């Protein structure tokens, strides 16, 4: 339910559902990851980064979680921390698989459209499942008017 409210931009209700799930299991990684995102979209940056940092630790530093943490740092004005995480993810991607969308998220958080869309193009080239949610993912809301975004939507068969 939390995810449905999340994509509907009903963040307060999403947060309530994620918190209920975490009441049952405080280490439920997926709920932590999504809760951190919902907090970010509500500009509750302290809660967001604390939650995503915990998710990052529980996940064993999952690139997907770290990409969202980089996004949260970026939109919270903590650009140095966002860039540091993005550097780690980029270096890691030379040795092992890192979902390109994860790096794109961090760049979106910094407002670096060119880098973000470069990584989104890599996600498109590898047919990343992250793109299935591109039409509804709040992380890209500020960039929906960019022609590269509309082109990407069309190429993957989605409409706005």
C-alpha atoms as a PDB file:
ATOM      1  CA  UNK A   1       0.000   0.000   0.000  1.00  0.00           C
ATOM      2  CA  UNK A   2       2.816   2.376   0.808  1.00  0.00           C
ATOM      3  CA  UNK A   3       4.211   2.106  -2.683  1.00  0.00           C
ATOM      4  CA  UNK A   4       0.838   2.847  -4.262  1.00  0.00           C
ATOM      5  CA  UNK A   5       0.474   5.996  -2.169  1.00  0.00           C
ATOM      6  CA  UNK A   6       4.111   6.819  -2.897  1.00  0.00           C
ATOM      7  CA  UNK A   7       3.584   6.855  -6.666  1.00  0.00           C
ATOM      8  CA  UNK A   8       0.322   8.765  -6.209  1.00  0.00           C
ATOM      9  CA  UNK A   9       2.369  11.489  -4.447  1.00  0.00           C
ATOM     10  CA  UNK A  10       0.368  10.899  -1.254  1.00  0.00           C
ATOM     11  CA  UNK A  11       3.489  10.788   0.878  1.00  0.00           C
ATOM     12  CA  UNK A  12       1.873  11.141   4.302  1.00  0.00           C
ATOM     13  CA  UNK A  13      -0.185   8.015   3.699  1.00  0.00           C
ATOM     14  CA  UNK A  14       2.808   6.211   2.209  1.00  0.00           C
ATOM     15  CA  UNK A  15       4.877   7.077   5.269  1.00  0.00           C
ATOM     16  CA  UNK A  16       2.164   5.716   7.569  1.00  0.00           C
ATOM     17  CA  UNK A  17       2.182   2.376   5.723  1.00  0.00           C
ATOM     18  CA  UNK A  18       5.969   2.123   5.688  1.00  0.00           C
ATOM     19  CA  UNK A  19       6.095   2.900   9.405  1.00  0.00           C
ATOM     20  CA  UNK A  20       3.484   0.213  10.104  1.00  0.00           C
ATOM     21  CA  UNK A  21       5.602  -2.302   8.220  1.00  0.00           C
ATOM     22  CA  UNK A  22       8.657  -1.203  10.199  1.00  0.00           C
ATOM     23  CA  UNK A  23       6.745  -1.599  13.467  1.00  0.00           C
ATOM     24  CA  UNK A  24       6.537  -5.300  12.592  1.00  0.00           C
ATOM     25  CA  UNK A  25      10.134  -5.513  11.399  1.00  0.00           C
ATOM     26  CA  UNK A  26      12.416  -2.531  12.097  1.00  0.00           C
ATOM     27  CA  UNK A  27      15.017  -3.947   9.701  1.00  0.00           C
ATOM     28  CA  UNK A  28      12.689  -4.458   6.730  1.00  0.00           C
ATOM     29  CA  UNK A  29      15.070  -3.096   4.121  1.00  0.00           C
ATOM     30  CA  UNK A  30      12.561  -2.393   1.375  1.00  0.00           C
ATOM     31  CA  UNK A  31      10.295  -0.404   3.725  1.00  0.00           C
ATOM     32  CA  UNK A  32      13.291   1.610   4.978  1.00  0.00           C
ATOM     33  CA  UNK A  33      14.419   2.359   1.428  1.00  0.00           C
ATOM     34  CA  UNK A  34      10.949   3.501   0.389  1.00  0.00           C
ATOM     35  CA  UNK A  35      10.364   5.440   3.624  1.00  0.00           C
ATOM     36  CA  UNK A  36      13.604   7.317   3.042  1.00  0.00           C
ATOM     37  CA  UNK A  37      12.410   8.262  -0.420  1.00  0.00           C
ATOM     38  CA  UNK A  38       9.010   9.431   0.828  1.00  0.00           C
ATOM     39  CA  UNK A  39      10.710  11.567   3.474  1.00  0.00           C
ATOM     40  CA  UNK A  40      12.957  13.018   0.769  1.00  0.00           C
ATOM     41  CA  UNK A  41      10.031  13.955  -1.467  1.00  0.00           C
ATOM     42  CA  UNK A  42       8.418  15.689   1.521  1.00  0.00           C
ATOM     43  CA  UNK A  43      11.673  17.611   2.149  1.00  0.00           C
ATOM     44  CA  UNK A  44      12.071  15.895   5.521  1.00  0.00           C
ATOM     45  CA  UNK A  45      15.771  15.625   4.837  1.00  0.00           C
ATOM     46  CA  UNK A  46      17.069  14.738   8.281  1.00  0.00           C
ATOM     47  CA  UNK A  47      14.640  11.813   8.538  1.00  0.00           C
ATOM     48  CA  UNK A  48      15.316  10.867   4.924  1.00  0.00           C
ATOM     49  CA  UNK A  49      19.083  10.684   5.181  1.00  0.00           C
ATOM     50  CA  UNK A  50      18.995   8.930   8.559  1.00  0.00           C
ATOM     51  CA  UNK A  51      16.574   6.320   7.173  1.00  0.00           C
ATOM     52  CA  UNK A  52      18.492   5.823   3.926  1.00  0.00           C
ATOM     53  CA  UNK A  53      21.805   5.584   5.791  1.00  0.00           C
ATOM     54  CA  UNK A  54      20.319   2.783   7.907  1.00  0.00           C
ATOM     55  CA  UNK A  55      19.013   1.092   4.745  1.00  0.00           C
ATOM     56  CA  UNK A  56      22.470   1.428   3.202  1.00  0.00           C
ATOM     57  CA  UNK A  57      24.055  -0.287   6.190  1.00  0.00           C
ATOM     58  CA  UNK A  58      21.445  -3.069   6.320  1.00  0.00           C
ATOM     59  CA  UNK A  59      21.775  -3.672   2.583  1.00  0.00           C
ATOM     60  CA  UNK A  60      25.527  -4.094   2.738  1.00  0.00           C
ATOM     61  CA  UNK A  61      25.947  -0.800   0.861  1.00  0.00           C
ATOM     62  CA  UNK A  62      23.641  -1.758  -2.008  1.00  0.00           C
ATOM     63  CA  UNK A  63      24.263   0.524  -5.014  1.00  0.00           C
ATOM     64  CA  UNK A  64      20.509   0.996  -5.475  1.00  0.00           C
ATOM     65  CA  UNK A  65      20.106   2.246  -1.907  1.00  0.00           C
ATOM     66  CA  UNK A  66      23.260   4.368  -2.114  1.00  0.00           C
ATOM     67  CA  UNK A  67      22.003   5.977  -5.316  1.00  0.00           C
ATOM     68  CA  UNK A  68      18.861   7.095  -3.531  1.00  0.00           C
ATOM     69  CA  UNK A  69      20.930   8.282  -0.556  1.00  0.00           C
ATOM     70  CA  UNK A  70      23.033  10.344  -2.977  1.00  0.00           C
ATOM     71  CA  UNK A  71      19.779  11.775  -4.371  1.00  0.00           C
ATOM     72  CA  UNK A  72      18.602  12.688  -0.860  1.00  0.00           C
ATOM     73  CA  UNK A  73      21.947  14.297  -0.022  1.00  0.00           C
ATOM     74  CA  UNK A  74      21.805  16.287  -3.259  1.00  0.00           C
ATOM     75  CA  UNK A  75      18.312  17.687  -2.827  1.00  0.00           C
ATOM     76  CA  UNK A  76      19.043  18.363   0.862  1.00  0.00           C
ATOM     77  CA  UNK A  77      21.916  20.653  -0.164  1.00  0.00           C
ATOM     78  CA  UNK A  78      24.607  18.221   0.963  1.00  0.00           C
ATOM     79  CA  UNK A  79      26.310  18.210  -2.423  1.00  0.00           C
ATOM     80  CA  UNK A  80      29.711  17.131  -1.120  1.00  0.00           C
ATOM     81  CA  UNK A  81      28.291  13.965   0.400  1.00  0.00           C
ATOM     82  CA  UNK A  82      26.249  13.282  -2.735  1.00  0.00           C
ATOM     83  CA  UNK A  83      29.310  13.649  -4.964  1.00  0.00           C
ATOM     84  CA  UNK A  84      31.368  11.429  -2.681  1.00  0.00           C
ATOM     85  CA  UNK A  85      28.772   8.642  -2.951  1.00  0.00           C
ATOM     86  CA  UNK A  86      28.476   9.091  -6.712  1.00  0.00           C
ATOM     87  CA  UNK A  87      32.242   8.826  -7.050  1.00  0.00           C
ATOM     88  CA  UNK A  88      32.169   5.555  -5.078  1.00  0.00           C
ATOM     89  CA  UNK A  89      29.344   4.194  -7.239  1.00  0.00           C
ATOM     90  CA  UNK A  90      31.077   5.201 -10.461  1.00  0.00           C
ATOM     91  CA  UNK A  91      34.359   3.610  -9.360  1.00  0.00           C
ATOM     92  CA  UNK A  92      32.512   0.486  -8.219  1.00  0.00           C
ATOM     93  CA  UNK A  93      30.784   0.257 -11.616  1.00  0.00           C
ATOM     94  CA  UNK A  94      34.199  -0.320 -13.207  1.00  0.00           C
ATOM     95  CA  UNK A  95      34.664  -3.498 -11.146  1.00  0.00           C
ATOM     96  CA  UNK A  96      31.163  -4.864 -10.643  1.00  0.00           C
ATOM     97  CA  UNK A  97      27.601  -4.294 -11.638  1.00  0.00           C
ATOM     98  CA  UNK A  98      26.001  -1.044 -10.479  1.00  0.00           C
ATOM     99  CA  UNK A  99      22.513  -0.289 -11.781  1.00  0.00           C
ATOM    100  CA  UNK A 100      22.915   2.793 -13.995  1.00  0.00           C
ATOM    101  CA  UNK A 101      19.646   4.214 -12.670  1.00  0.00           C
ATOM    102  CA  UNK A 102      21.220   4.352  -9.201  1.00  0.00           C
ATOM    103  CA  UNK A 103      23.934   6.683 -10.449  1.00  0.00           C
ATOM    104  CA  UNK A 104      21.352   8.658 -12.402  1.00  0.00           C
ATOM    105  CA  UNK A 105      19.297   9.235  -9.228  1.00  0.00           C
ATOM    106  CA  UNK A 106      22.253  10.768  -7.448  1.00  0.00           C
ATOM    107  CA  UNK A 107      22.897  13.068 -10.384  1.00  0.00           C
ATOM    108  CA  UNK A 108      19.238  14.064 -10.503  1.00  0.00           C
ATOM    109  CA  UNK A 109      19.530  14.996  -6.825  1.00  0.00           C
ATOM    110  CA  UNK A 110      22.426  17.303  -7.650  1.00  0.00           C
ATOM    111  CA  UNK A 111      20.514  18.782 -10.562  1.00  0.00           C
ATOM    112  CA  UNK A 112      23.142  17.506 -13.009  1.00  0.00           C
ATOM    113  CA  UNK A 113      20.816  16.745 -15.902  1.00  0.00           C
ATOM    114  CA  UNK A 114      23.525  15.827 -18.399  1.00  0.00           C
ATOM    115  CA  UNK A 115      25.124  13.205 -16.166  1.00  0.00           C
ATOM    116  CA  UNK A 116      21.731  11.931 -15.021  1.00  0.00           C
ATOM    117  CA  UNK A 117      20.486  11.436 -18.563  1.00  0.00           C
ATOM    118  CA  UNK A 118      23.792   9.878 -19.607  1.00  0.00           C
ATOM    119  CA  UNK A 119      23.279   7.225 -16.912  1.00  0.00           C
ATOM    120  CA  UNK A 120      19.591   6.861 -17.797  1.00  0.00           C
ATOM    121  CA  UNK A 121      20.672   6.159 -21.364  1.00  0.00           C
ATOM    122  CA  UNK A 122      22.947   3.410 -20.038  1.00  0.00           C
ATOM    123  CA  UNK A 123      19.958   2.012 -18.135  1.00  0.00           C
ATOM    124  CA  UNK A 124      17.972   2.081 -21.371  1.00  0.00           C
ATOM    125  CA  UNK A 125      20.745   0.319 -23.292  1.00  0.00           C
ATOM    126  CA  UNK A 126      20.824  -2.521 -20.769  1.00  0.00           C
ATOM    127  CA  UNK A 127      17.010  -2.655 -20.588  1.00  0.00           C
ATOM    128  CA  UNK A 128      16.989  -1.909 -16.869  1.00  0.00           C
ATOM    129  CA  UNK A 129      13.842  -2.831 -14.993  1.00  0.00           C
ATOM    130  CA  UNK A 130      14.109   0.512 -13.153  1.00  0.00           C
ATOM    131  CA  UNK A 131      12.781   2.172 -16.298  1.00  0.00           C
ATOM    132  CA  UNK A 132       9.454   0.376 -15.916  1.00  0.00           C
ATOM    133  CA  UNK A 133       8.622   2.941 -13.215  1.00  0.00           C
ATOM    134  CA  UNK A 134       9.969   5.970 -15.048  1.00  0.00           C
ATOM    135  CA  UNK A 135       6.504   7.293 -15.842  1.00  0.00           C
ATOM    136  CA  UNK A 136       5.583   7.520 -12.163  1.00  0.00           C
ATOM    137  CA  UNK A 137       8.884   7.783 -10.277  1.00  0.00           C
ATOM    138  CA  UNK A 138       8.937  11.041  -8.263  1.00  0.00           C
ATOM    139  CA  UNK A 139      12.731  11.319  -8.463  1.00  0.00           C
ATOM    140  CA  UNK A 140      12.393  12.554 -12.046  1.00  0.00           C
ATOM    141  CA  UNK A 141       9.497  14.969 -11.516  1.00  0.00           C
ATOM    142  CA  UNK A 142      11.634  18.120 -11.872  1.00  0.00           C
ATOM    143  CA  UNK A 143      13.031  16.804 -15.167  1.00  0.00           C
ATOM    144  CA  UNK A 144       9.869  15.689 -16.944  1.00  0.00           C
ATOM    145  CA  UNK A 145       9.889  18.716 -19.265  1.00  0.00           C
ATOM    146  CA  UNK A 146      13.370  17.848 -20.542  1.00  0.00           C
ATOM    147  CA  UNK A 147      13.160  16.540 -24.133  1.00  0.00           C
ATOM    148  CA  UNK A 148      15.549  13.719 -23.204  1.00  0.00           C
ATOM    149  CA  UNK A 149      13.052  12.501 -20.629  1.00  0.00           C
ATOM    150  CA  UNK A 150      10.167  12.526 -23.113  1.00  0.00           C
ATOM    151  CA  UNK A 151      12.350  10.752 -25.672  1.00  0.00           C
ATOM    152  CA  UNK A 152      13.273   8.065 -23.154  1.00  0.00           C
ATOM    153  CA  UNK A 153       9.621   7.549 -22.220  1.00  0.00           C
ATOM    154  CA  UNK A 154       8.679   7.119 -25.879  1.00  0.00           C
ATOM    155  CA  UNK A 155      11.517   4.696 -26.569  1.00  0.00           C
ATOM    156  CA  UNK A 156      10.525   2.426 -23.694  1.00  0.00           C
ATOM    157  CA  UNK A 157       6.874   2.566 -24.720  1.00  0.00           C
ATOM    158  CA  UNK A 158       5.497   4.738 -21.921  1.00  0.00           C
ATOM    159  CA  UNK A 159       3.481   7.926 -22.116  1.00  0.00           C
ATOM    160  CA  UNK A 160       3.311  10.769 -19.648  1.00  0.00           C
END
